[in-house]
Amino acid sequence: MTATIEARQAVTAATQPVRFHQVGKAFGQGRRAVVALDQVDLEVAVGEFVCLVGASGCGKTTLLNLVAGLDQPTAGGIEINSSRPAVVFQEAALMPWLTAAGNIELPLRMAGVPKSVRRTKAAELLELVRLGGLGDKRPHELSGGMRQRVALARALASTTDHTGSGAGKPSLLLMDEPFSALDAITRDVLQGELLRIWQATGTAILFVTHDVREAVRLGQRVVLLSSRPGRVVRQWDVNGLTGPAEIAAVDEVNAALRQVISSHAA
């Protein structure tokens, strides 16, 4: 599942954890087929934070599933040059019988990482997400925000290569509306925490959200998909925007999103 494509800038494949080349995805066959994605060209650079926005059903989550290997494209190709991509979903999806540390260790245990290394890594990641000292707590003993922090730490553990097969490859984190189920205050706090963790780890992030304000606040680049079938229609460089410039960017992206939705409804 690879393809040779020309990058938007003079960037080699080795600097891009993932590249989409004319990617299409249809569900079903014949007249009943539903085309979710069509001719998607997109790349994410090492350490880049890219946010995907678009109307419901435009294929944002489908794109993440294709990168994660949970599904396969029906057209085009995806070039992945990263250690194992990890996914953080809207729900934390933690194993209720495992402790926070146990959940974080799970992908490492499945990869055959020795227990002492797993425990050390889990402790480091708990500190990174500011849950140090809570590794023995089970999911039901944690708040929703804390559970999402554990899910993030588990994903970061999953992107760590301990086998040597991914040596030298950049890491990639896929996030599918991870904060949408949280209250506004907790969501705001975790957005700030995610930025801190991203800056500390240098992990590339492909982040799906319905919230344009969230996309502009978090992302370096915002990518707008058309309504079904999803195609890349516009991109904005929003890196480092604050104050009036940030507000203007939010307004511009929202206006483009409304136009996409309106044209589809018409």
C-alpha atoms as a PDB file:
ATOM      1  CA  MET A   1       0.000   0.000   0.000  1.00  0.00           C
ATOM      2  CA  THR A   2       2.524   2.537  -1.182  1.00  0.00           C
ATOM      3  CA  ALA A   3       2.644   5.193  -3.841  1.00  0.00           C
ATOM      4  CA  THR A   4       5.193   7.570  -5.261  1.00  0.00           C
ATOM      5  CA  ILE A   5       3.944  11.137  -5.168  1.00  0.00           C
ATOM      6  CA  GLU A   6       5.239  14.682  -5.426  1.00  0.00           C
ATOM      7  CA  ALA A   7       5.267  16.520  -2.115  1.00  0.00           C
ATOM      8  CA  ARG A   8       3.623  19.931  -1.715  1.00  0.00           C
ATOM      9  CA  GLN A   9       7.069  21.250  -0.798  1.00  0.00           C
ATOM     10  CA  ALA A  10      10.584  19.935  -1.356  1.00  0.00           C
ATOM     11  CA  VAL A  11      10.332  17.325   1.382  1.00  0.00           C
ATOM     12  CA  THR A  12      11.657  13.800   1.120  1.00  0.00           C
ATOM     13  CA  ALA A  13       9.536  10.778   1.985  1.00  0.00           C
ATOM     14  CA  ALA A  14      11.746  10.114   4.999  1.00  0.00           C
ATOM     15  CA  THR A  15      10.505  13.360   6.588  1.00  0.00           C
ATOM     16  CA  GLN A  16       6.833  12.468   6.174  1.00  0.00           C
ATOM     17  CA  PRO A  17       5.279   9.946   8.568  1.00  0.00           C
ATOM     18  CA  VAL A  18       2.275   9.615   6.238  1.00  0.00           C
ATOM     19  CA  ARG A  19       1.364  10.663   2.691  1.00  0.00           C
ATOM     20  CA  PHE A  20      -1.938  10.125   0.870  1.00  0.00           C
ATOM     21  CA  HIS A  21      -1.875   9.911  -2.908  1.00  0.00           C
ATOM     22  CA  GLN A  22      -5.216  10.123  -4.735  1.00  0.00           C
ATOM     23  CA  VAL A  23      -6.794   8.065  -1.949  1.00  0.00           C
ATOM     24  CA  GLY A  24     -10.354   6.904  -2.412  1.00  0.00           C
ATOM     25  CA  LYS A  25     -12.568   4.806  -0.181  1.00  0.00           C
ATOM     26  CA  ALA A  26     -15.954   3.326  -1.056  1.00  0.00           C
ATOM     27  CA  PHE A  27     -18.160   1.172   1.140  1.00  0.00           C
ATOM     28  CA  GLY A  28     -20.249  -1.434  -0.658  1.00  0.00           C
ATOM     29  CA  GLN A  29     -20.345  -2.218  -4.349  1.00  0.00           C
ATOM     30  CA  GLY A  30     -22.251  -1.258  -7.450  1.00  0.00           C
ATOM     31  CA  ARG A  31     -25.078   1.244  -7.266  1.00  0.00           C
ATOM     32  CA  ARG A  32     -25.323   0.867  -3.513  1.00  0.00           C
ATOM     33  CA  ALA A  33     -21.692   1.848  -2.959  1.00  0.00           C
ATOM     34  CA  VAL A  34     -21.118   4.880  -0.753  1.00  0.00           C
ATOM     35  CA  VAL A  35     -18.017   6.864  -1.723  1.00  0.00           C
ATOM     36  CA  ALA A  36     -16.569   8.292   1.492  1.00  0.00           C
ATOM     37  CA  LEU A  37     -13.280   9.666   0.125  1.00  0.00           C
ATOM     38  CA  ASP A  38     -12.182  10.664  -3.359  1.00  0.00           C
ATOM     39  CA  GLN A  39      -8.736  11.630  -4.687  1.00  0.00           C
ATOM     40  CA  VAL A  40      -7.317  12.771  -1.347  1.00  0.00           C
ATOM     41  CA  ASP A  41      -3.778  14.162  -1.559  1.00  0.00           C
ATOM     42  CA  LEU A  42      -2.294  15.059   1.808  1.00  0.00           C
ATOM     43  CA  GLU A  43       0.944  14.708   3.738  1.00  0.00           C
ATOM     44  CA  VAL A  44       2.022  15.188   7.344  1.00  0.00           C
ATOM     45  CA  ALA A  45       5.618  16.173   8.089  1.00  0.00           C
ATOM     46  CA  VAL A  46       7.700  14.994  11.020  1.00  0.00           C
ATOM     47  CA  GLY A  47       6.478  16.591  14.227  1.00  0.00           C
ATOM     48  CA  GLU A  48       3.683  18.451  12.425  1.00  0.00           C
ATOM     49  CA  PHE A  49       0.263  18.996  14.033  1.00  0.00           C
ATOM     50  CA  VAL A  50      -2.442  18.777  11.355  1.00  0.00           C
ATOM     51  CA  CYS A  51      -6.155  19.179  12.104  1.00  0.00           C
ATOM     52  CA  LEU A  52      -8.890  17.823   9.844  1.00  0.00           C
ATOM     53  CA  VAL A  53     -12.265  19.589   9.802  1.00  0.00           C
ATOM     54  CA  GLY A  54     -15.392  19.075   7.733  1.00  0.00           C
ATOM     55  CA  ALA A  55     -19.060  18.268   7.885  1.00  0.00           C
ATOM     56  CA  SER A  56     -20.289  15.075   9.555  1.00  0.00           C
ATOM     57  CA  GLY A  57     -19.805  12.092   7.270  1.00  0.00           C
ATOM     58  CA  CYS A  58     -17.115  13.710   5.117  1.00  0.00           C
ATOM     59  CA  GLY A  59     -14.599  10.932   5.782  1.00  0.00           C
ATOM     60  CA  LYS A  60     -12.378  12.399   8.513  1.00  0.00           C
ATOM     61  CA  THR A  61     -12.517   9.304  10.697  1.00  0.00           C
ATOM     62  CA  THR A  62     -12.222   7.067   7.642  1.00  0.00           C
ATOM     63  CA  LEU A  63      -8.884   8.727   6.836  1.00  0.00           C
ATOM     64  CA  LEU A  64      -7.596   7.933  10.320  1.00  0.00           C
ATOM     65  CA  ASN A  65      -8.799   4.340  10.037  1.00  0.00           C
ATOM     66  CA  LEU A  66      -6.902   3.930   6.773  1.00  0.00           C
ATOM     67  CA  VAL A  67      -3.673   5.188   8.340  1.00  0.00           C
ATOM     68  CA  ALA A  68      -4.171   2.988  11.394  1.00  0.00           C
ATOM     69  CA  GLY A  69      -4.604  -0.065   9.191  1.00  0.00           C
ATOM     70  CA  LEU A  70      -8.173  -0.635  10.383  1.00  0.00           C
ATOM     71  CA  ASP A  71      -9.365  -0.450   6.772  1.00  0.00           C
ATOM     72  CA  GLN A  72      -7.901  -0.350   3.276  1.00  0.00           C
ATOM     73  CA  PRO A  73      -8.336   2.270   0.510  1.00  0.00           C
ATOM     74  CA  THR A  74     -10.209   1.264  -2.626  1.00  0.00           C
ATOM     75  CA  ALA A  75      -8.182   3.670  -4.784  1.00  0.00           C
ATOM     76  CA  GLY A  76      -4.820   5.406  -4.601  1.00  0.00           C
ATOM     77  CA  GLY A  77      -2.240   4.654  -1.971  1.00  0.00           C
ATOM     78  CA  ILE A  78      -0.938   5.606   1.452  1.00  0.00           C
ATOM     79  CA  GLU A  79       2.762   5.771   2.214  1.00  0.00           C
ATOM     80  CA  ILE A  80       3.491   5.314   5.896  1.00  0.00           C
ATOM     81  CA  ASN A  81       6.993   5.978   7.151  1.00  0.00           C
ATOM     82  CA  SER A  82       6.570   5.961  10.910  1.00  0.00           C
ATOM     83  CA  SER A  83       6.781   3.719  13.899  1.00  0.00           C
ATOM     84  CA  ARG A  84       3.412   2.143  14.696  1.00  0.00           C
ATOM     85  CA  PRO A  85       0.692   4.817  14.390  1.00  0.00           C
ATOM     86  CA  ALA A  86      -1.483   4.944  17.504  1.00  0.00           C
ATOM     87  CA  VAL A  87      -5.076   6.116  17.844  1.00  0.00           C
ATOM     88  CA  VAL A  88      -6.836   8.068  20.597  1.00  0.00           C
ATOM     89  CA  PHE A  89     -10.613   7.859  20.238  1.00  0.00           C
ATOM     90  CA  GLN A  90     -13.463   9.989  21.571  1.00  0.00           C
ATOM     91  CA  GLU A  91     -13.888   7.458  24.370  1.00  0.00           C
ATOM     92  CA  ALA A  92     -10.820   6.466  26.355  1.00  0.00           C
ATOM     93  CA  ALA A  93     -11.571   2.749  25.765  1.00  0.00           C
ATOM     94  CA  LEU A  94      -9.434   1.644  28.703  1.00  0.00           C
ATOM     95  CA  MET A  95      -9.465  -1.930  29.967  1.00  0.00           C
ATOM     96  CA  PRO A  96     -11.541  -1.645  33.188  1.00  0.00           C
ATOM     97  CA  TRP A  97      -9.773  -4.519  34.929  1.00  0.00           C
ATOM     98  CA  LEU A  98      -6.328  -2.970  34.439  1.00  0.00           C
ATOM     99  CA  THR A  99      -4.813  -0.117  36.398  1.00  0.00           C
ATOM    100  CA  ALA A 100      -3.805   3.117  34.672  1.00  0.00           C
ATOM    101  CA  ALA A 101      -0.222   1.846  34.519  1.00  0.00           C
ATOM    102  CA  GLY A 102      -1.438  -1.530  33.278  1.00  0.00           C
ATOM    103  CA  ASN A 103      -3.369   0.099  30.438  1.00  0.00           C
ATOM    104  CA  ILE A 104      -0.310   2.090  29.404  1.00  0.00           C
ATOM    105  CA  GLU A 105       1.857  -1.037  29.544  1.00  0.00           C
ATOM    106  CA  LEU A 106      -0.580  -3.074  27.429  1.00  0.00           C
ATOM    107  CA  PRO A 107       0.821  -2.252  23.950  1.00  0.00           C
ATOM    108  CA  LEU A 108       4.335  -2.744  25.295  1.00  0.00           C
ATOM    109  CA  ARG A 109       3.402  -6.112  26.763  1.00  0.00           C
ATOM    110  CA  MET A 110       1.849  -7.168  23.436  1.00  0.00           C
ATOM    111  CA  ALA A 111       5.115  -6.167  21.744  1.00  0.00           C
ATOM    112  CA  GLY A 112       7.069  -8.436  24.078  1.00  0.00           C
ATOM    113  CA  VAL A 113       8.791  -5.647  26.008  1.00  0.00           C
ATOM    114  CA  PRO A 114      10.301  -6.897  29.307  1.00  0.00           C
ATOM    115  CA  LYS A 115       8.365  -6.086  32.474  1.00  0.00           C
ATOM    116  CA  SER A 116      11.021  -3.822  33.979  1.00  0.00           C
ATOM    117  CA  VAL A 117      11.176  -1.728  30.785  1.00  0.00           C
ATOM    118  CA  ARG A 118       7.370  -1.569  30.603  1.00  0.00           C
ATOM    119  CA  ARG A 119       7.066  -0.315  34.161  1.00  0.00           C
ATOM    120  CA  THR A 120       9.735   2.312  33.691  1.00  0.00           C
ATOM    121  CA  LYS A 121       8.118   3.560  30.473  1.00  0.00           C
ATOM    122  CA  ALA A 122       4.639   3.619  32.025  1.00  0.00           C
ATOM    123  CA  ALA A 123       5.926   5.636  34.969  1.00  0.00           C
ATOM    124  CA  GLU A 124       7.600   8.120  32.605  1.00  0.00           C
ATOM    125  CA  LEU A 125       4.421   8.536  30.567  1.00  0.00           C
ATOM    126  CA  LEU A 126       2.265   8.952  33.667  1.00  0.00           C
ATOM    127  CA  GLU A 127       4.532  11.805  34.690  1.00  0.00           C
ATOM    128  CA  LEU A 128       4.346  13.252  31.177  1.00  0.00           C
ATOM    129  CA  VAL A 129       0.527  13.399  31.295  1.00  0.00           C
ATOM    130  CA  ARG A 130       0.653  14.652  34.905  1.00  0.00           C
ATOM    131  CA  LEU A 131      -0.786  11.544  36.497  1.00  0.00           C
ATOM    132  CA  GLY A 132       2.305  10.588  38.456  1.00  0.00           C
ATOM    133  CA  GLY A 133       1.384   8.587  41.547  1.00  0.00           C
ATOM    134  CA  LEU A 134      -1.947   7.440  40.096  1.00  0.00           C
ATOM    135  CA  GLY A 135      -0.688   4.421  38.201  1.00  0.00           C
ATOM    136  CA  ASP A 136      -2.434   2.006  40.572  1.00  0.00           C
ATOM    137  CA  LYS A 137      -5.871   3.531  40.000  1.00  0.00           C
ATOM    138  CA  ARG A 138      -8.415   1.753  37.822  1.00  0.00           C
ATOM    139  CA  PRO A 139     -10.443   3.620  35.181  1.00  0.00           C
ATOM    140  CA  HIS A 140     -13.589   3.890  37.326  1.00  0.00           C
ATOM    141  CA  GLU A 141     -11.539   5.714  39.964  1.00  0.00           C
ATOM    142  CA  LEU A 142     -10.474   8.415  37.502  1.00  0.00           C
ATOM    143  CA  SER A 143     -12.338  11.394  36.042  1.00  0.00           C
ATOM    144  CA  GLY A 144     -13.146  11.575  32.333  1.00  0.00           C
ATOM    145  CA  GLY A 145     -10.242  13.923  31.744  1.00  0.00           C
ATOM    146  CA  MET A 146      -7.865  11.650  33.627  1.00  0.00           C
ATOM    147  CA  ARG A 147      -9.016   8.640  31.592  1.00  0.00           C
ATOM    148  CA  GLN A 148      -8.253  10.527  28.383  1.00  0.00           C
ATOM    149  CA  ARG A 149      -4.789  11.332  29.729  1.00  0.00           C
ATOM    150  CA  VAL A 150      -4.233   7.615  30.317  1.00  0.00           C
ATOM    151  CA  ALA A 151      -5.467   6.875  26.787  1.00  0.00           C
ATOM    152  CA  LEU A 152      -3.014   9.450  25.432  1.00  0.00           C
ATOM    153  CA  ALA A 153      -0.166   7.937  27.441  1.00  0.00           C
ATOM    154  CA  ARG A 154      -1.093   4.466  26.156  1.00  0.00           C
ATOM    155  CA  ALA A 155      -1.050   5.762  22.586  1.00  0.00           C
ATOM    156  CA  LEU A 156       2.369   7.318  23.113  1.00  0.00           C
ATOM    157  CA  ALA A 157       3.594   3.992  24.497  1.00  0.00           C
ATOM    158  CA  SER A 158       2.245   2.295  21.386  1.00  0.00           C
ATOM    159  CA  THR A 159       4.231   4.603  19.087  1.00  0.00           C
ATOM    160  CA  THR A 160       7.461   3.653  20.847  1.00  0.00           C
ATOM    161  CA  ASP A 161       9.385   1.007  18.918  1.00  0.00           C
ATOM    162  CA  HIS A 162      11.232  -1.483  21.129  1.00  0.00           C
ATOM    163  CA  THR A 163      11.904  -4.110  18.487  1.00  0.00           C
ATOM    164  CA  GLY A 164      14.280  -2.143  16.294  1.00  0.00           C
ATOM    165  CA  SER A 165      12.067  -2.613  13.216  1.00  0.00           C
ATOM    166  CA  GLY A 166      11.041   1.043  13.298  1.00  0.00           C
ATOM    167  CA  ALA A 167      14.396   2.474  14.277  1.00  0.00           C
ATOM    168  CA  GLY A 168      14.905   5.988  13.004  1.00  0.00           C
ATOM    169  CA  LYS A 169      11.295   6.382  11.892  1.00  0.00           C
ATOM    170  CA  PRO A 170       9.204   9.316  13.151  1.00  0.00           C
ATOM    171  CA  SER A 171       6.230   8.722  15.428  1.00  0.00           C
ATOM    172  CA  LEU A 172       2.623   9.436  14.464  1.00  0.00           C
ATOM    173  CA  LEU A 173      -0.423   9.932  16.676  1.00  0.00           C
ATOM    174  CA  LEU A 174      -3.970   9.778  15.305  1.00  0.00           C
ATOM    175  CA  MET A 175      -6.640  11.528  17.373  1.00  0.00           C
ATOM    176  CA  ASP A 176     -10.363  11.219  16.615  1.00  0.00           C
ATOM    177  CA  GLU A 177     -12.284  13.957  18.485  1.00  0.00           C
ATOM    178  CA  PRO A 178     -10.607  12.956  21.768  1.00  0.00           C
ATOM    179  CA  PHE A 179     -12.039  15.834  23.815  1.00  0.00           C
ATOM    180  CA  SER A 180     -15.568  16.146  22.415  1.00  0.00           C
ATOM    181  CA  ALA A 181     -17.204  14.168  25.234  1.00  0.00           C
ATOM    182  CA  LEU A 182     -15.639  16.311  27.968  1.00  0.00           C
ATOM    183  CA  ASP A 183     -16.977  19.433  29.627  1.00  0.00           C
ATOM    184  CA  ALA A 184     -15.718  22.784  28.364  1.00  0.00           C
ATOM    185  CA  ILE A 185     -13.286  23.447  31.224  1.00  0.00           C
ATOM    186  CA  THR A 186     -11.733  19.966  31.087  1.00  0.00           C
ATOM    187  CA  ARG A 187     -11.507  20.174  27.308  1.00  0.00           C
ATOM    188  CA  ASP A 188      -9.698  23.510  27.523  1.00  0.00           C
ATOM    189  CA  VAL A 189      -7.229  22.123  30.054  1.00  0.00           C
ATOM    190  CA  LEU A 190      -6.522  19.010  27.992  1.00  0.00           C
ATOM    191  CA  GLN A 191      -6.018  21.040  24.839  1.00  0.00           C
ATOM    192  CA  GLY A 192      -3.253  22.909  26.637  1.00  0.00           C
ATOM    193  CA  GLU A 193      -1.829  19.649  27.960  1.00  0.00           C
ATOM    194  CA  LEU A 194      -1.821  18.109  24.495  1.00  0.00           C
ATOM    195  CA  LEU A 195       0.152  21.047  23.130  1.00  0.00           C
ATOM    196  CA  ARG A 196       2.662  20.678  25.959  1.00  0.00           C
ATOM    197  CA  ILE A 197       3.044  16.938  25.324  1.00  0.00           C
ATOM    198  CA  TRP A 198       3.313  17.418  21.558  1.00  0.00           C
ATOM    199  CA  GLN A 199       6.076  19.984  22.025  1.00  0.00           C
ATOM    200  CA  ALA A 200       7.867  17.697  24.491  1.00  0.00           C
ATOM    201  CA  THR A 201       7.733  14.563  22.339  1.00  0.00           C
ATOM    202  CA  GLY A 202       7.925  15.871  18.754  1.00  0.00           C
ATOM    203  CA  THR A 203       5.268  13.371  17.706  1.00  0.00           C
ATOM    204  CA  ALA A 204       3.391  14.157  14.486  1.00  0.00           C
ATOM    205  CA  ILE A 205      -0.362  14.410  15.096  1.00  0.00           C
ATOM    206  CA  LEU A 206      -3.287  14.022  12.718  1.00  0.00           C
ATOM    207  CA  PHE A 207      -6.257  15.348  14.686  1.00  0.00           C
ATOM    208  CA  VAL A 208      -9.942  15.119  13.716  1.00  0.00           C
ATOM    209  CA  THR A 209     -12.378  17.643  15.173  1.00  0.00           C
ATOM    210  CA  HIS A 210     -15.728  19.302  14.453  1.00  0.00           C
ATOM    211  CA  ASP A 211     -14.616  22.342  16.464  1.00  0.00           C
ATOM    212  CA  VAL A 212     -12.917  24.896  14.212  1.00  0.00           C
ATOM    213  CA  ARG A 213     -11.753  26.932  17.192  1.00  0.00           C
ATOM    214  CA  GLU A 214     -10.063  23.843  18.607  1.00  0.00           C
ATOM    215  CA  ALA A 215      -8.439  23.120  15.242  1.00  0.00           C
ATOM    216  CA  VAL A 216      -6.986  26.628  14.937  1.00  0.00           C
ATOM    217  CA  ARG A 217      -5.806  26.663  18.541  1.00  0.00           C
ATOM    218  CA  LEU A 218      -4.067  23.290  18.358  1.00  0.00           C
ATOM    219  CA  GLY A 219      -2.938  22.811  14.776  1.00  0.00           C
ATOM    220  CA  GLN A 220      -0.100  24.173  12.734  1.00  0.00           C
ATOM    221  CA  ARG A 221      -2.195  23.459   9.670  1.00  0.00           C
ATOM    222  CA  VAL A 222      -5.957  23.099   9.252  1.00  0.00           C
ATOM    223  CA  VAL A 223      -7.264  20.969   6.391  1.00  0.00           C
ATOM    224  CA  LEU A 224     -10.876  21.263   5.243  1.00  0.00           C
ATOM    225  CA  LEU A 225     -12.573  18.281   3.616  1.00  0.00           C
ATOM    226  CA  SER A 226     -15.574  18.647   1.354  1.00  0.00           C
ATOM    227  CA  SER A 227     -18.858  16.975   2.153  1.00  0.00           C
ATOM    228  CA  ARG A 228     -19.147  13.375   0.979  1.00  0.00           C
ATOM    229  CA  PRO A 229     -17.182  12.284  -0.870  1.00  0.00           C
ATOM    230  CA  GLY A 230     -14.411  13.869   1.152  1.00  0.00           C
ATOM    231  CA  ARG A 231     -11.775  15.756  -0.812  1.00  0.00           C
ATOM    232  CA  VAL A 232      -9.199  18.281   0.378  1.00  0.00           C
ATOM    233  CA  VAL A 233     -10.667  21.646  -0.647  1.00  0.00           C
ATOM    234  CA  ARG A 234      -8.618  24.151   1.377  1.00  0.00           C
ATOM    235  CA  GLN A 235      -5.700  24.330   3.805  1.00  0.00           C
ATOM    236  CA  TRP A 236      -4.622  27.077   6.203  1.00  0.00           C
ATOM    237  CA  ASP A 237      -1.295  27.680   7.929  1.00  0.00           C
ATOM    238  CA  VAL A 238      -2.353  28.620  11.477  1.00  0.00           C
ATOM    239  CA  ASN A 239       0.933  28.003  13.262  1.00  0.00           C
ATOM    240  CA  GLY A 240       1.508  30.447  16.111  1.00  0.00           C
ATOM    241  CA  LEU A 241      -1.605  32.549  15.561  1.00  0.00           C
ATOM    242  CA  THR A 242      -2.881  34.423  18.615  1.00  0.00           C
ATOM    243  CA  GLY A 243      -5.284  37.243  19.427  1.00  0.00           C
ATOM    244  CA  PRO A 244      -7.039  38.924  16.469  1.00  0.00           C
ATOM    245  CA  ALA A 245      -5.162  36.781  13.911  1.00  0.00           C
ATOM    246  CA  GLU A 246      -6.431  33.598  15.559  1.00  0.00           C
ATOM    247  CA  ILE A 247      -9.998  34.928  15.681  1.00  0.00           C
ATOM    248  CA  ALA A 248      -9.800  35.917  12.015  1.00  0.00           C
ATOM    249  CA  ALA A 249      -8.564  32.439  11.080  1.00  0.00           C
ATOM    250  CA  VAL A 250     -11.414  30.808  12.975  1.00  0.00           C
ATOM    251  CA  ASP A 251     -13.916  33.033  11.171  1.00  0.00           C
ATOM    252  CA  GLU A 252     -12.366  32.277   7.780  1.00  0.00           C
ATOM    253  CA  VAL A 253     -12.341  28.500   8.302  1.00  0.00           C
ATOM    254  CA  ASN A 254     -15.903  28.573   9.647  1.00  0.00           C
ATOM    255  CA  ALA A 255     -17.046  30.556   6.598  1.00  0.00           C
ATOM    256  CA  ALA A 256     -15.425  28.031   4.251  1.00  0.00           C
ATOM    257  CA  LEU A 257     -16.960  25.139   6.201  1.00  0.00           C
ATOM    258  CA  ARG A 258     -20.424  26.702   5.995  1.00  0.00           C
ATOM    259  CA  GLN A 259     -19.964  27.171   2.253  1.00  0.00           C
ATOM    260  CA  VAL A 260     -19.010  23.510   1.841  1.00  0.00           C
ATOM    261  CA  ILE A 261     -22.053  22.386   3.822  1.00  0.00           C
ATOM    262  CA  SER A 262     -24.386  24.736   1.961  1.00  0.00           C
ATOM    263  CA  SER A 263     -23.167  23.685  -1.474  1.00  0.00           C
ATOM    264  CA  HIS A 264     -23.670  20.036  -0.550  1.00  0.00           C
ATOM    265  CA  ALA A 265     -27.197  20.681   0.756  1.00  0.00           C
ATOM    266  CA  ALA A 266     -28.068  22.524  -2.441  1.00  0.00           C
END
